[in-house]
Amino acid sequence: MKEKPGGMSCHEFQDQLPELIATGESLANHPHYRNCDLCRALLADLETIAEAARQLLPVVEPPDDLWEHIESAIKEEEHSQEEG
């Protein structure tokens, strides 16, 4: 496995990428990211894909009374099971 700048191979960096992204911190200061054109391009592609997915599936806020409806449905279900 070829060692890349920053003391880490591309394979090692890419294996850690989900955890690195999950932290929400910028990867701009990661030594491997700063010095590896291949991994910077990969991350740019992933960001493009993620943005396209966000546009396809916009976030929809649930109605304010959603939990009240869920709680009511659970209570009705419990009540009907007690009677049955």
C-alpha atoms as a PDB file:
ATOM      1  CA  MET A   1       0.000   0.000   0.000  1.00  0.00           C
ATOM      2  CA  LYS A   2       1.548   3.270  -1.074  1.00  0.00           C
ATOM      3  CA  GLU A   3       2.043   5.853   1.638  1.00  0.00           C
ATOM      4  CA  LYS A   4       0.580   9.237   0.755  1.00  0.00           C
ATOM      5  CA  PRO A   5       1.408  12.679   2.107  1.00  0.00           C
ATOM      6  CA  GLY A   6       0.017  13.172   5.571  1.00  0.00           C
ATOM      7  CA  GLY A   7       1.177   9.723   6.727  1.00  0.00           C
ATOM      8  CA  MET A   8      -1.907   7.871   5.520  1.00  0.00           C
ATOM      9  CA  SER A   9      -2.795   5.975   2.360  1.00  0.00           C
ATOM     10  CA  CYS A  10      -5.844   6.859   0.287  1.00  0.00           C
ATOM     11  CA  HIS A  11      -7.431   3.569   1.327  1.00  0.00           C
ATOM     12  CA  GLU A  12      -6.971   4.371   5.024  1.00  0.00           C
ATOM     13  CA  PHE A  13      -8.315   7.897   4.581  1.00  0.00           C
ATOM     14  CA  GLN A  14     -11.330   6.673   2.619  1.00  0.00           C
ATOM     15  CA  ASP A  15     -12.040   4.002   5.242  1.00  0.00           C
ATOM     16  CA  GLN A  16     -12.161   6.762   7.864  1.00  0.00           C
ATOM     17  CA  LEU A  17     -14.148   9.153   5.678  1.00  0.00           C
ATOM     18  CA  PRO A  18     -17.649   8.279   7.006  1.00  0.00           C
ATOM     19  CA  GLU A  19     -16.535   8.952  10.588  1.00  0.00           C
ATOM     20  CA  LEU A  20     -14.676  12.100   9.577  1.00  0.00           C
ATOM     21  CA  ILE A  21     -17.732  13.437   7.746  1.00  0.00           C
ATOM     22  CA  ALA A  22     -20.026  12.481  10.639  1.00  0.00           C
ATOM     23  CA  THR A  23     -18.114  14.751  13.005  1.00  0.00           C
ATOM     24  CA  GLY A  24     -19.302  17.735  10.972  1.00  0.00           C
ATOM     25  CA  GLU A  25     -15.852  19.264  11.132  1.00  0.00           C
ATOM     26  CA  SER A  26     -14.140  20.586   8.032  1.00  0.00           C
ATOM     27  CA  LEU A  27     -11.687  18.190   6.441  1.00  0.00           C
ATOM     28  CA  ALA A  28      -9.701  21.098   5.019  1.00  0.00           C
ATOM     29  CA  ASN A  29      -7.111  20.782   7.788  1.00  0.00           C
ATOM     30  CA  HIS A  30      -6.730  17.003   7.582  1.00  0.00           C
ATOM     31  CA  PRO A  31      -3.142  16.314   6.438  1.00  0.00           C
ATOM     32  CA  HIS A  32      -4.107  13.660   3.896  1.00  0.00           C
ATOM     33  CA  TYR A  33      -6.920  15.749   2.435  1.00  0.00           C
ATOM     34  CA  ARG A  34      -4.647  18.789   2.068  1.00  0.00           C
ATOM     35  CA  ASN A  35      -2.014  16.818   0.192  1.00  0.00           C
ATOM     36  CA  CYS A  36      -3.977  14.315  -1.904  1.00  0.00           C
ATOM     37  CA  ASP A  37      -5.605  15.463  -5.135  1.00  0.00           C
ATOM     38  CA  LEU A  38      -7.394  12.116  -5.542  1.00  0.00           C
ATOM     39  CA  CYS A  39      -9.122  12.239  -2.165  1.00  0.00           C
ATOM     40  CA  ARG A  40     -10.012  15.931  -2.527  1.00  0.00           C
ATOM     41  CA  ALA A  41     -11.658  15.097  -5.860  1.00  0.00           C
ATOM     42  CA  LEU A  42     -13.488  12.145  -4.278  1.00  0.00           C
ATOM     43  CA  LEU A  43     -14.826  14.317  -1.474  1.00  0.00           C
ATOM     44  CA  ALA A  44     -15.908  17.006  -3.959  1.00  0.00           C
ATOM     45  CA  ASP A  45     -17.824  14.342  -5.899  1.00  0.00           C
ATOM     46  CA  LEU A  46     -19.465  13.082  -2.704  1.00  0.00           C
ATOM     47  CA  GLU A  47     -20.487  16.628  -1.757  1.00  0.00           C
ATOM     48  CA  THR A  48     -22.006  17.130  -5.222  1.00  0.00           C
ATOM     49  CA  ILE A  49     -23.970  13.885  -4.892  1.00  0.00           C
ATOM     50  CA  ALA A  50     -25.164  14.810  -1.384  1.00  0.00           C
ATOM     51  CA  GLU A  51     -26.331  18.241  -2.569  1.00  0.00           C
ATOM     52  CA  ALA A  52     -28.207  16.690  -5.493  1.00  0.00           C
ATOM     53  CA  ALA A  53     -29.885  14.253  -3.094  1.00  0.00           C
ATOM     54  CA  ARG A  54     -30.947  17.121  -0.800  1.00  0.00           C
ATOM     55  CA  GLN A  55     -32.568  18.844  -3.781  1.00  0.00           C
ATOM     56  CA  LEU A  56     -34.392  15.668  -4.802  1.00  0.00           C
ATOM     57  CA  LEU A  57     -35.678  14.980  -1.310  1.00  0.00           C
ATOM     58  CA  PRO A  58     -36.304  18.282   0.432  1.00  0.00           C
ATOM     59  CA  VAL A  59     -36.676  18.266   4.191  1.00  0.00           C
ATOM     60  CA  VAL A  60     -40.305  18.575   5.177  1.00  0.00           C
ATOM     61  CA  GLU A  61     -41.078  19.728   8.673  1.00  0.00           C
ATOM     62  CA  PRO A  62     -43.761  17.627  10.363  1.00  0.00           C
ATOM     63  CA  PRO A  63     -46.906  19.381  11.558  1.00  0.00           C
ATOM     64  CA  ASP A  64     -46.727  20.797  15.085  1.00  0.00           C
ATOM     65  CA  ASP A  65     -49.399  18.423  16.365  1.00  0.00           C
ATOM     66  CA  LEU A  66     -47.822  15.230  14.971  1.00  0.00           C
ATOM     67  CA  TRP A  67     -46.811  13.856  18.373  1.00  0.00           C
ATOM     68  CA  GLU A  68     -50.296  14.544  19.739  1.00  0.00           C
ATOM     69  CA  HIS A  69     -51.795  12.490  16.899  1.00  0.00           C
ATOM     70  CA  ILE A  70     -49.321   9.657  17.488  1.00  0.00           C
ATOM     71  CA  GLU A  71     -50.005   9.648  21.227  1.00  0.00           C
ATOM     72  CA  SER A  72     -53.748   9.672  20.607  1.00  0.00           C
ATOM     73  CA  ALA A  73     -53.492   6.760  18.160  1.00  0.00           C
ATOM     74  CA  ILE A  74     -51.437   4.739  20.657  1.00  0.00           C
ATOM     75  CA  LYS A  75     -53.950   5.381  23.435  1.00  0.00           C
ATOM     76  CA  GLU A  76     -56.838   4.382  21.152  1.00  0.00           C
ATOM     77  CA  GLU A  77     -54.980   1.185  20.187  1.00  0.00           C
ATOM     78  CA  GLU A  78     -54.303   0.342  23.838  1.00  0.00           C
ATOM     79  CA  HIS A  79     -57.921   1.061  24.766  1.00  0.00           C
ATOM     80  CA  SER A  80     -59.286  -1.163  21.965  1.00  0.00           C
ATOM     81  CA  GLN A  81     -56.925  -4.001  22.987  1.00  0.00           C
ATOM     82  CA  GLU A  82     -58.093  -3.759  26.602  1.00  0.00           C
ATOM     83  CA  GLU A  83     -61.712  -4.045  25.519  1.00  0.00           C
ATOM     84  CA  GLY A  84     -61.070  -6.886  23.068  1.00  0.00           C
END
